[in-house]
C-alpha atoms as a PDB file:
ATOM      1  CA  MET A   1     -26.754 123.700 192.671  1.00  0.00           C
ATOM      2  CA  GLU A   2     -24.710 120.799 194.042  1.00  0.00           C
ATOM      3  CA  PRO A   3     -22.532 118.964 191.491  1.00  0.00           C
ATOM      4  CA  ALA A   4     -23.167 115.219 191.341  1.00  0.00           C
ATOM      5  CA  GLY A   5     -20.665 113.126 193.278  1.00  0.00           C
ATOM      6  CA  ILE A   6     -18.850 116.081 194.842  1.00  0.00           C
ATOM      7  CA  ASP A   7     -19.070 117.096 198.494  1.00  0.00           C
ATOM      8  CA  LEU A   8     -18.274 120.795 198.237  1.00  0.00           C
ATOM      9  CA  ASN A   9     -16.430 122.693 200.931  1.00  0.00           C
ATOM     10  CA  PHE A  10     -17.018 126.251 199.744  1.00  0.00           C
ATOM     11  CA  LEU A  11     -14.633 128.915 201.075  1.00  0.00           C
ATOM     12  CA  PRO A  12     -15.935 132.438 200.305  1.00  0.00           C
ATOM     13  CA  PHE A  13     -12.900 134.721 200.007  1.00  0.00           C
ATOM     14  CA  GLU A  14     -12.405 137.987 198.157  1.00  0.00           C
ATOM     15  CA  VAL A  15     -11.279 137.077 194.658  1.00  0.00           C
ATOM     16  CA  GLU A  16      -7.835 138.643 195.059  1.00  0.00           C
ATOM     17  CA  GLU A  17      -7.092 136.338 197.995  1.00  0.00           C
ATOM     18  CA  THR A  18      -8.469 133.314 196.147  1.00  0.00           C
ATOM     19  CA  PHE A  19      -6.291 134.031 193.116  1.00  0.00           C
ATOM     20  CA  TRP A  20      -3.191 134.629 195.204  1.00  0.00           C
ATOM     21  CA  ARG A  21      -3.525 131.431 197.246  1.00  0.00           C
ATOM     22  CA  MET A  22      -4.313 129.285 194.220  1.00  0.00           C
ATOM     23  CA  LEU A  23      -1.504 130.652 192.084  1.00  0.00           C
ATOM     24  CA  LYS A  24       1.137 130.805 194.799  1.00  0.00           C
ATOM     25  CA  HIS A  25       0.316 127.672 196.795  1.00  0.00           C
ATOM     26  CA  GLN A  26      -2.331 125.677 194.864  1.00  0.00           C
ATOM     27  CA  GLU A  27      -4.292 125.401 198.119  1.00  0.00           C
ATOM     28  CA  PHE A  28      -7.613 124.519 196.507  1.00  0.00           C
ATOM     29  CA  GLN A  29      -8.675 121.665 194.264  1.00  0.00           C
ATOM     30  CA  ALA A  30     -10.844 124.098 192.294  1.00  0.00           C
ATOM     31  CA  ALA A  31     -11.145 127.865 192.416  1.00  0.00           C
ATOM     32  CA  GLU A  32     -12.372 130.978 190.663  1.00  0.00           C
ATOM     33  CA  MET A  33      -9.481 132.457 188.695  1.00  0.00           C
ATOM     34  CA  SER A  34      -8.487 135.561 186.767  1.00  0.00           C
ATOM     35  CA  MET A  35      -8.621 134.761 183.046  1.00  0.00           C
ATOM     36  CA  SER A  36      -5.400 136.660 182.435  1.00  0.00           C
ATOM     37  CA  SER A  37      -3.539 134.932 185.275  1.00  0.00           C
ATOM     38  CA  TYR A  38      -4.807 131.567 184.106  1.00  0.00           C
ATOM     39  CA  MET A  39      -3.591 132.162 180.547  1.00  0.00           C
ATOM     40  CA  MET A  40      -0.185 133.205 181.865  1.00  0.00           C
ATOM     41  CA  ALA A  41      -0.002 130.085 184.030  1.00  0.00           C
ATOM     42  CA  ARG A  42      -0.777 127.934 180.989  1.00  0.00           C
ATOM     43  CA  ASP A  43       1.871 129.760 178.974  1.00  0.00           C
ATOM     44  CA  GLN A  44       4.515 129.454 181.693  1.00  0.00           C
ATOM     45  CA  GLY A  45       3.629 125.864 182.593  1.00  0.00           C
ATOM     46  CA  TRP A  46       3.178 126.583 186.298  1.00  0.00           C
ATOM     47  CA  PRO A  47       1.030 126.280 188.280  1.00  0.00           C
ATOM     48  CA  GLU A  48      -0.561 123.421 186.358  1.00  0.00           C
ATOM     49  CA  LEU A  49      -4.247 124.265 185.999  1.00  0.00           C
ATOM     50  CA  ILE A  50      -7.114 123.434 183.648  1.00  0.00           C
ATOM     51  CA  ALA A  51     -10.275 125.529 183.258  1.00  0.00           C
ATOM     52  CA  ILE A  52     -13.944 124.845 182.718  1.00  0.00           C
ATOM     53  CA  PRO A  53     -15.822 127.347 180.510  1.00  0.00           C
ATOM     54  CA  ALA A  54     -17.910 128.831 183.320  1.00  0.00           C
ATOM     55  CA  PHE A  55     -17.359 132.558 183.703  1.00  0.00           C
ATOM     56  CA  PRO A  56     -18.561 133.836 187.096  1.00  0.00           C
ATOM     57  CA  SER A  57     -17.327 137.395 186.522  1.00  0.00           C
ATOM     58  CA  ARG A  58     -17.897 139.559 183.464  1.00  0.00           C
ATOM     59  CA  PHE A  59     -17.598 143.342 183.358  1.00  0.00           C
ATOM     60  CA  PHE A  60     -17.543 146.217 180.902  1.00  0.00           C
ATOM     61  CA  ARG A  61     -14.467 148.167 182.015  1.00  0.00           C
ATOM     62  CA  HIS A  62     -15.057 151.636 180.553  1.00  0.00           C
ATOM     63  CA  SER A  63     -16.345 152.647 183.996  1.00  0.00           C
ATOM     64  CA  CYS A  64     -13.031 151.633 185.583  1.00  0.00           C
ATOM     65  CA  VAL A  65     -10.689 154.196 184.038  1.00  0.00           C
ATOM     66  CA  PHE A  66     -10.200 157.069 186.497  1.00  0.00           C
ATOM     67  CA  ILE A  67      -8.409 160.361 185.891  1.00  0.00           C
ATOM     68  CA  ASN A  68      -7.043 163.298 187.820  1.00  0.00           C
ATOM     69  CA  PRO A  69      -9.077 166.307 186.640  1.00  0.00           C
ATOM     70  CA  GLU A  70      -5.865 168.389 186.339  1.00  0.00           C
ATOM     71  CA  SER A  71      -4.208 165.842 184.018  1.00  0.00           C
ATOM     72  CA  GLY A  72      -5.480 167.378 180.793  1.00  0.00           C
ATOM     73  CA  ILE A  73      -7.212 164.119 179.865  1.00  0.00           C
ATOM     74  CA  GLU A  74     -10.590 164.731 178.266  1.00  0.00           C
ATOM     75  CA  GLU A  75     -10.723 161.967 175.663  1.00  0.00           C
ATOM     76  CA  PRO A  76      -9.227 158.433 175.582  1.00  0.00           C
ATOM     77  CA  GLU A  77      -6.662 159.609 173.034  1.00  0.00           C
ATOM     78  CA  ASP A  78      -5.300 162.036 175.645  1.00  0.00           C
ATOM     79  CA  LEU A  79      -3.907 159.096 177.632  1.00  0.00           C
ATOM     80  CA  ALA A  80      -0.928 158.949 175.260  1.00  0.00           C
ATOM     81  CA  GLY A  81       2.216 160.039 177.097  1.00  0.00           C
ATOM     82  CA  LYS A  82       0.508 159.973 180.508  1.00  0.00           C
ATOM     83  CA  ASN A  83       1.439 158.214 183.749  1.00  0.00           C
ATOM     84  CA  VAL A  84      -1.131 155.464 184.314  1.00  0.00           C
ATOM     85  CA  GLY A  85      -1.453 153.286 187.406  1.00  0.00           C
ATOM     86  CA  VAL A  86      -2.680 149.700 187.605  1.00  0.00           C
ATOM     87  CA  PRO A  87      -2.743 147.397 190.653  1.00  0.00           C
ATOM     88  CA  GLU A  88      -1.292 144.555 188.581  1.00  0.00           C
ATOM     89  CA  TYR A  89      -0.267 144.929 184.963  1.00  0.00           C
ATOM     90  CA  GLN A  90      -1.432 141.380 184.210  1.00  0.00           C
ATOM     91  CA  MET A  91      -4.883 141.547 185.854  1.00  0.00           C
ATOM     92  CA  THR A  92      -7.711 140.845 183.417  1.00  0.00           C
ATOM     93  CA  ALA A  93      -9.368 144.230 183.931  1.00  0.00           C
ATOM     94  CA  SER A  94      -6.218 146.011 182.771  1.00  0.00           C
ATOM     95  CA  VAL A  95      -5.603 143.608 179.876  1.00  0.00           C
ATOM     96  CA  VAL A  96      -9.139 144.142 178.568  1.00  0.00           C
ATOM     97  CA  THR A  97      -8.999 147.907 179.097  1.00  0.00           C
ATOM     98  CA  ARG A  98      -5.680 148.248 177.268  1.00  0.00           C
ATOM     99  CA  GLY A  99      -7.013 146.143 174.420  1.00  0.00           C
ATOM    100  CA  MET A 100     -10.184 148.194 174.241  1.00  0.00           C
ATOM    101  CA  LEU A 101      -8.240 151.468 174.254  1.00  0.00           C
ATOM    102  CA  GLU A 102      -6.062 150.249 171.403  1.00  0.00           C
ATOM    103  CA  ASP A 103      -8.824 148.687 169.307  1.00  0.00           C
ATOM    104  CA  GLN A 104     -11.418 151.431 169.810  1.00  0.00           C
ATOM    105  CA  TYR A 105      -9.314 154.568 170.253  1.00  0.00           C
ATOM    106  CA  GLY A 106      -5.863 153.842 168.814  1.00  0.00           C
ATOM    107  CA  VAL A 107      -4.007 154.246 172.137  1.00  0.00           C
ATOM    108  CA  SER A 108      -1.483 151.416 172.511  1.00  0.00           C
ATOM    109  CA  PRO A 109      -0.017 150.173 175.817  1.00  0.00           C
ATOM    110  CA  GLU A 110       3.411 151.485 174.816  1.00  0.00           C
ATOM    111  CA  ASP A 111       1.933 154.974 174.428  1.00  0.00           C
ATOM    112  CA  MET A 112       1.536 155.220 178.213  1.00  0.00           C
ATOM    113  CA  ILE A 113       3.956 155.009 181.164  1.00  0.00           C
ATOM    114  CA  TRP A 114       2.737 152.371 183.618  1.00  0.00           C
ATOM    115  CA  TYR A 115       3.013 152.154 187.409  1.00  0.00           C
ATOM    116  CA  HIS A 116       1.873 149.161 189.438  1.00  0.00           C
ATOM    117  CA  GLY A 117       1.380 148.561 193.153  1.00  0.00           C
ATOM    118  CA  GLY A 118      -1.226 148.714 195.901  1.00  0.00           C
ATOM    119  CA  GLU A 119      -4.357 150.697 195.179  1.00  0.00           C
ATOM    120  CA  GLU A 120      -5.216 151.359 198.827  1.00  0.00           C
ATOM    121  CA  GLU A 121      -2.446 149.509 200.676  1.00  0.00           C
ATOM    122  CA  GLY A 122       1.259 149.545 199.927  1.00  0.00           C
ATOM    123  CA  GLY A 123       3.184 146.456 198.893  1.00  0.00           C
ATOM    124  CA  ARG A 124       0.950 144.763 196.341  1.00  0.00           C
ATOM    125  CA  GLU A 125       2.876 142.536 193.942  1.00  0.00           C
ATOM    126  CA  GLU A 126       2.153 140.791 190.665  1.00  0.00           C
ATOM    127  CA  LYS A 127       0.910 137.247 191.321  1.00  0.00           C
ATOM    128  CA  LEU A 128       2.926 135.856 188.421  1.00  0.00           C
ATOM    129  CA  SER A 129       6.269 136.898 186.978  1.00  0.00           C
ATOM    130  CA  ILE A 130       6.010 139.082 183.895  1.00  0.00           C
ATOM    131  CA  ASP A 131       8.647 139.717 181.231  1.00  0.00           C
ATOM    132  CA  LEU A 132       7.364 142.577 179.114  1.00  0.00           C
ATOM    133  CA  PRO A 133       8.688 143.810 175.763  1.00  0.00           C
ATOM    134  CA  GLU A 134      11.185 146.676 175.976  1.00  0.00           C
ATOM    135  CA  LYS A 135       8.660 149.017 174.385  1.00  0.00           C
ATOM    136  CA  ILE A 136       6.495 148.782 177.532  1.00  0.00           C
ATOM    137  CA  GLU A 137       7.642 151.053 180.368  1.00  0.00           C
ATOM    138  CA  LEU A 138       6.479 149.671 183.731  1.00  0.00           C
ATOM    139  CA  HIS A 139       7.555 150.905 187.183  1.00  0.00           C
ATOM    140  CA  SER A 140       6.787 149.637 190.673  1.00  0.00           C
ATOM    141  CA  ILE A 141       5.619 152.190 193.210  1.00  0.00           C
ATOM    142  CA  SER A 142       7.182 152.122 196.671  1.00  0.00           C
ATOM    143  CA  ASP A 143       5.565 150.338 199.604  1.00  0.00           C
ATOM    144  CA  ASP A 144       4.705 153.656 201.262  1.00  0.00           C
ATOM    145  CA  GLN A 145       2.732 154.834 198.226  1.00  0.00           C
ATOM    146  CA  THR A 146      -0.742 153.920 196.963  1.00  0.00           C
ATOM    147  CA  LEU A 147      -2.167 154.321 193.495  1.00  0.00           C
ATOM    148  CA  SER A 148      -5.257 156.052 194.863  1.00  0.00           C
ATOM    149  CA  GLY A 149      -3.153 158.624 196.700  1.00  0.00           C
ATOM    150  CA  MET A 150      -0.857 159.182 193.728  1.00  0.00           C
ATOM    151  CA  LEU A 151      -3.855 159.749 191.456  1.00  0.00           C
ATOM    152  CA  GLU A 152      -5.307 162.290 193.872  1.00  0.00           C
ATOM    153  CA  SER A 153      -1.998 164.158 194.240  1.00  0.00           C
ATOM    154  CA  GLY A 154      -1.351 164.218 190.497  1.00  0.00           C
ATOM    155  CA  ASP A 155       1.663 161.900 190.554  1.00  0.00           C
ATOM    156  CA  LEU A 156      -0.489 159.702 188.330  1.00  0.00           C
ATOM    157  CA  ASP A 157      -2.670 161.048 185.542  1.00  0.00           C
ATOM    158  CA  ALA A 158      -4.957 158.028 185.325  1.00  0.00           C
ATOM    159  CA  LEU A 159      -5.717 154.696 186.964  1.00  0.00           C
ATOM    160  CA  VAL A 160      -6.999 151.484 185.373  1.00  0.00           C
ATOM    161  CA  THR A 161      -8.464 149.248 188.057  1.00  0.00           C
ATOM    162  CA  ALA A 162     -11.206 146.810 188.974  1.00  0.00           C
ATOM    163  CA  ARG A 163     -12.177 148.732 192.130  1.00  0.00           C
ATOM    164  CA  ALA A 164     -13.117 152.401 192.334  1.00  0.00           C
ATOM    165  CA  PRO A 165     -10.343 154.155 194.287  1.00  0.00           C
ATOM    166  CA  SER A 166     -11.106 155.932 197.549  1.00  0.00           C
ATOM    167  CA  SER A 167      -9.939 159.181 195.923  1.00  0.00           C
ATOM    168  CA  PHE A 168     -12.909 158.878 193.567  1.00  0.00           C
ATOM    169  CA  HIS A 169     -15.407 158.543 196.418  1.00  0.00           C
ATOM    170  CA  ASP A 170     -13.740 161.023 198.771  1.00  0.00           C
ATOM    171  CA  GLY A 171     -11.571 163.198 196.521  1.00  0.00           C
ATOM    172  CA  PRO A 172     -11.399 165.020 193.203  1.00  0.00           C
ATOM    173  CA  VAL A 173     -10.871 161.987 190.943  1.00  0.00           C
ATOM    174  CA  GLU A 174     -13.238 161.556 187.984  1.00  0.00           C
ATOM    175  CA  ARG A 175     -14.105 158.883 185.439  1.00  0.00           C
ATOM    176  CA  LEU A 176     -12.681 159.048 181.921  1.00  0.00           C
ATOM    177  CA  PHE A 177     -16.105 157.945 180.658  1.00  0.00           C
ATOM    178  CA  PRO A 178     -18.706 159.695 182.883  1.00  0.00           C
ATOM    179  CA  ASP A 179     -21.539 158.370 180.685  1.00  0.00           C
ATOM    180  CA  PHE A 180     -20.078 154.872 180.797  1.00  0.00           C
ATOM    181  CA  LYS A 181     -23.365 152.982 180.420  1.00  0.00           C
ATOM    182  CA  ARG A 182     -24.041 154.573 177.042  1.00  0.00           C
ATOM    183  CA  VAL A 183     -20.429 154.016 175.918  1.00  0.00           C
ATOM    184  CA  GLU A 184     -20.452 150.393 177.045  1.00  0.00           C
ATOM    185  CA  LYS A 185     -23.705 149.702 175.221  1.00  0.00           C
ATOM    186  CA  GLU A 186     -22.210 151.171 172.043  1.00  0.00           C
ATOM    187  CA  TYR A 187     -19.128 148.989 172.555  1.00  0.00           C
ATOM    188  CA  TYR A 188     -21.358 145.917 172.854  1.00  0.00           C
ATOM    189  CA  ARG A 189     -23.329 146.824 169.723  1.00  0.00           C
ATOM    190  CA  GLU A 190     -20.076 147.220 167.808  1.00  0.00           C
ATOM    191  CA  THR A 191     -18.181 144.171 169.107  1.00  0.00           C
ATOM    192  CA  GLY A 192     -20.751 141.800 170.647  1.00  0.00           C
ATOM    193  CA  PHE A 193     -18.395 141.488 173.650  1.00  0.00           C
ATOM    194  CA  PHE A 194     -19.472 141.287 177.288  1.00  0.00           C
ATOM    195  CA  PRO A 195     -15.908 140.901 178.572  1.00  0.00           C
ATOM    196  CA  ILE A 196     -15.012 137.812 180.588  1.00  0.00           C
ATOM    197  CA  MET A 197     -12.958 138.536 183.710  1.00  0.00           C
ATOM    198  CA  HIS A 198     -12.816 135.196 185.551  1.00  0.00           C
ATOM    199  CA  THR A 199     -13.121 131.490 184.882  1.00  0.00           C
ATOM    200  CA  VAL A 200     -13.083 128.409 187.131  1.00  0.00           C
ATOM    201  CA  VAL A 201      -9.975 126.236 187.301  1.00  0.00           C
ATOM    202  CA  LEU A 202      -9.030 122.836 188.664  1.00  0.00           C
ATOM    203  CA  ARG A 203      -5.571 121.714 189.621  1.00  0.00           C
ATOM    204  CA  GLN A 204      -4.272 119.573 186.771  1.00  0.00           C
ATOM    205  CA  ASP A 205      -3.512 116.654 189.097  1.00  0.00           C
ATOM    206  CA  VAL A 206      -7.131 116.644 190.294  1.00  0.00           C
ATOM    207  CA  TYR A 207      -8.417 116.651 186.715  1.00  0.00           C
ATOM    208  CA  ASP A 208      -5.979 113.942 185.618  1.00  0.00           C
ATOM    209  CA  GLU A 209      -7.124 111.639 188.428  1.00  0.00           C
ATOM    210  CA  HIS A 210     -10.837 112.439 188.212  1.00  0.00           C
ATOM    211  CA  PRO A 211     -11.670 114.050 184.838  1.00  0.00           C
ATOM    212  CA  TRP A 212     -15.401 113.704 185.484  1.00  0.00           C
ATOM    213  CA  ILE A 213     -15.150 116.434 188.118  1.00  0.00           C
ATOM    214  CA  ALA A 214     -14.717 119.079 185.401  1.00  0.00           C
ATOM    215  CA  LYS A 215     -17.949 118.077 183.696  1.00  0.00           C
ATOM    216  CA  GLU A 216     -19.998 117.870 186.874  1.00  0.00           C
ATOM    217  CA  LEU A 217     -18.748 121.218 188.112  1.00  0.00           C
ATOM    218  CA  TYR A 218     -19.511 122.798 184.749  1.00  0.00           C
ATOM    219  CA  LYS A 219     -23.040 121.345 184.741  1.00  0.00           C
ATOM    220  CA  ALA A 220     -23.628 122.682 188.262  1.00  0.00           C
ATOM    221  CA  PHE A 221     -22.453 126.157 187.293  1.00  0.00           C
ATOM    222  CA  GLU A 222     -24.694 126.135 184.213  1.00  0.00           C
ATOM    223  CA  ARG A 223     -27.741 124.959 186.205  1.00  0.00           C
ATOM    224  CA  SER A 224     -27.109 127.611 188.841  1.00  0.00           C
ATOM    225  CA  LYS A 225     -26.844 130.341 186.220  1.00  0.00           C
ATOM    226  CA  GLN A 226     -30.043 129.240 184.480  1.00  0.00           C
ATOM    227  CA  ASN A 227     -31.803 129.238 187.849  1.00  0.00           C
ATOM    228  CA  PHE A 228     -30.659 132.811 188.414  1.00  0.00           C
ATOM    229  CA  LEU A 229     -31.722 133.946 184.935  1.00  0.00           C
ATOM    230  CA  GLU A 230     -35.210 132.593 185.546  1.00  0.00           C
ATOM    231  CA  ARG A 231     -35.463 133.954 189.079  1.00  0.00           C
ATOM    232  CA  ILE A 232     -34.228 137.495 188.402  1.00  0.00           C
ATOM    233  CA  GLY A 233     -37.119 138.191 186.025  1.00  0.00           C
ATOM    234  CA  LYS A 234     -39.874 137.305 188.491  1.00  0.00           C
ATOM    235  CA  MET A 235     -42.093 140.283 189.202  1.00  0.00           C
ATOM    236  CA  ASN A 236     -43.968 139.080 192.282  1.00  0.00           C
ATOM    237  CA  GLU A 237     -41.079 140.404 194.377  1.00  0.00           C
ATOM    238  CA  LEU A 238     -37.745 142.029 193.645  1.00  0.00           C
ATOM    239  CA  GLN A 239     -34.924 139.510 193.394  1.00  0.00           C
ATOM    240  CA  VAL A 240     -32.290 142.270 193.660  1.00  0.00           C
ATOM    241  CA  GLY A 241     -32.549 145.122 196.138  1.00  0.00           C
ATOM    242  CA  LEU A 242     -32.860 147.839 193.484  1.00  0.00           C
ATOM    243  CA  PRO A 243     -36.198 149.456 192.667  1.00  0.00           C
ATOM    244  CA  TRP A 244     -35.896 149.439 188.863  1.00  0.00           C
ATOM    245  CA  SER A 245     -34.027 146.177 188.396  1.00  0.00           C
ATOM    246  CA  ILE A 246     -36.840 144.805 186.184  1.00  0.00           C
ATOM    247  CA  ASN A 247     -36.479 147.747 183.803  1.00  0.00           C
ATOM    248  CA  GLU A 248     -32.707 147.242 183.729  1.00  0.00           C
ATOM    249  CA  LEU A 249     -33.163 143.534 183.046  1.00  0.00           C
ATOM    250  CA  GLU A 250     -35.587 144.190 180.174  1.00  0.00           C
ATOM    251  CA  GLU A 251     -33.229 146.747 178.620  1.00  0.00           C
ATOM    252  CA  THR A 252     -30.338 144.313 178.938  1.00  0.00           C
ATOM    253  CA  ARG A 253     -32.248 141.448 177.331  1.00  0.00           C
ATOM    254  CA  ASP A 254     -33.475 143.694 174.509  1.00  0.00           C
ATOM    255  CA  LEU A 255     -29.822 144.391 173.698  1.00  0.00           C
ATOM    256  CA  MET A 256     -28.055 141.152 174.632  1.00  0.00           C
ATOM    257  CA  GLY A 257     -30.671 138.394 174.639  1.00  0.00           C
ATOM    258  CA  TRP A 258     -32.333 136.322 177.348  1.00  0.00           C
ATOM    259  CA  ASP A 259     -29.107 134.587 178.399  1.00  0.00           C
ATOM    260  CA  TYR A 260     -26.862 137.634 178.396  1.00  0.00           C
ATOM    261  CA  TRP A 261     -24.206 135.785 180.447  1.00  0.00           C
ATOM    262  CA  PRO A 262     -23.370 132.760 178.285  1.00  0.00           C
ATOM    263  CA  TYR A 263     -21.083 129.956 179.420  1.00  0.00           C
ATOM    264  CA  GLY A 264     -19.321 127.553 177.065  1.00  0.00           C
ATOM    265  CA  VAL A 265     -16.436 127.883 174.639  1.00  0.00           C
ATOM    266  CA  GLU A 266     -18.333 128.225 171.358  1.00  0.00           C
ATOM    267  CA  GLU A 267     -20.692 130.846 172.763  1.00  0.00           C
ATOM    268  CA  ASN A 268     -17.669 132.959 173.762  1.00  0.00           C
ATOM    269  CA  ARG A 269     -15.078 131.984 171.182  1.00  0.00           C
ATOM    270  CA  GLU A 270     -14.737 135.377 169.489  1.00  0.00           C
ATOM    271  CA  PHE A 271     -14.053 137.190 172.751  1.00  0.00           C
ATOM    272  CA  LEU A 272     -11.734 134.426 173.996  1.00  0.00           C
ATOM    273  CA  GLU A 273      -9.747 134.682 170.762  1.00  0.00           C
ATOM    274  CA  THR A 274      -9.537 138.441 171.288  1.00  0.00           C
ATOM    275  CA  LEU A 275      -8.398 137.995 174.885  1.00  0.00           C
ATOM    276  CA  THR A 276      -5.638 135.541 173.915  1.00  0.00           C
ATOM    277  CA  ARG A 277      -4.547 138.094 171.290  1.00  0.00           C
ATOM    278  CA  TYR A 278      -4.456 140.876 173.873  1.00  0.00           C
ATOM    279  CA  SER A 279      -2.415 138.732 176.265  1.00  0.00           C
ATOM    280  CA  HIS A 280       0.142 137.946 173.570  1.00  0.00           C
ATOM    281  CA  THR A 281       0.445 141.395 171.992  1.00  0.00           C
ATOM    282  CA  GLN A 282       0.755 142.985 175.435  1.00  0.00           C
ATOM    283  CA  GLY A 283       3.687 140.686 176.222  1.00  0.00           C
ATOM    284  CA  LEU A 284       2.042 138.599 178.942  1.00  0.00           C
ATOM    285  CA  THR A 285       2.201 135.288 177.058  1.00  0.00           C
ATOM    286  CA  GLN A 286       5.070 134.247 174.826  1.00  0.00           C
ATOM    287  CA  GLU A 287       2.682 132.702 172.302  1.00  0.00           C
ATOM    288  CA  LYS A 288      -0.891 133.420 171.322  1.00  0.00           C
ATOM    289  CA  LEU A 289      -2.642 130.606 173.130  1.00  0.00           C
ATOM    290  CA  GLU A 290      -5.119 128.347 171.386  1.00  0.00           C
ATOM    291  CA  VAL A 291      -8.556 128.755 172.930  1.00  0.00           C
ATOM    292  CA  ASP A 292      -9.260 125.029 172.679  1.00  0.00           C
ATOM    293  CA  ASP A 293      -6.173 124.279 174.778  1.00  0.00           C
ATOM    294  CA  LEU A 294      -7.505 126.304 177.702  1.00  0.00           C
ATOM    295  CA  PHE A 295     -10.538 124.245 178.712  1.00  0.00           C
ATOM    296  CA  ALA A 296     -11.178 120.669 179.782  1.00  0.00           C
ATOM    297  CA  PRO A 297     -12.145 118.766 176.600  1.00  0.00           C
ATOM    298  CA  ASN A 298     -15.028 116.919 178.281  1.00  0.00           C
ATOM    299  CA  THR A 299     -16.868 120.210 178.929  1.00  0.00           C
ATOM    300  CA  TYR A 300     -17.412 120.934 175.233  1.00  0.00           C
ATOM    301  CA  SER A 301     -20.357 118.642 174.544  1.00  0.00           C
ATOM    302  CA  GLU A 302     -23.554 117.419 176.215  1.00  0.00           C
ATOM    303  CA  PHE A 303     -25.088 113.980 176.429  1.00  0.00           C
ATOM    304  CA  LYS A 304     -28.331 113.713 174.434  1.00  0.00           C
ATOM    305  CA  VAL A 305     -31.074 111.115 174.866  1.00  0.00           C
END
């Protein structure tokens, strides 16, 4: 759905590249962005960005905790005292997973020893500077190491990531939660959270000069999402190349409602408050950010006839 008054030049990159280029060089006027990185940028005051409450990526992350089968980890509580890898300590997937492990299972970030670096390629760095509390032990792996390889060899006991490591597909690595769909549904029933991973940001200078852009982009994202929600349920032909996608959709809507992917601040306030708490208690932001300071004010309300 084209936003009114905007001639889009859409550049389809992998999200990691998009985040890196926007945070390091502010190359784009608007971009998809890691929620955690965005909150850190707001806290640090650079780069200067403002978000709209459209959330193109959401994900339950129980499926994304991987373990070495020789690590002695059978339950989430067994992660205490273990060496745990993460591509970037500040990435949203790891923030949400650490928060979930603490809230649901009583395992705090300081209970584990953390290692960050490239999952499949050496040399990955944090996109933003982090200054963690002394109670958090975080080490960088060397450029000739990978998290996937270290997990397979046993140098790491576990890995928290947004991408399944190659040692899971081709090696002995297992999931901490093999029955993750059941566990994630229970988590949703208990919390009501379908975790937000990404938002959409504008450069602050673009918003300051043309504030209407935020509203028109938000409206276009909402229209596009509604179009998808209507289209995916059509039964004359499969809209997704999976044979039982209609059954999956019906199960999802029975649990989460027709619009199971809500945009907007109010519709997501409880989770956003939780995420700002996680970011602060995990030492990624100096203050607990106010949710209402994160999003362009003109995206909060709609014109009514």
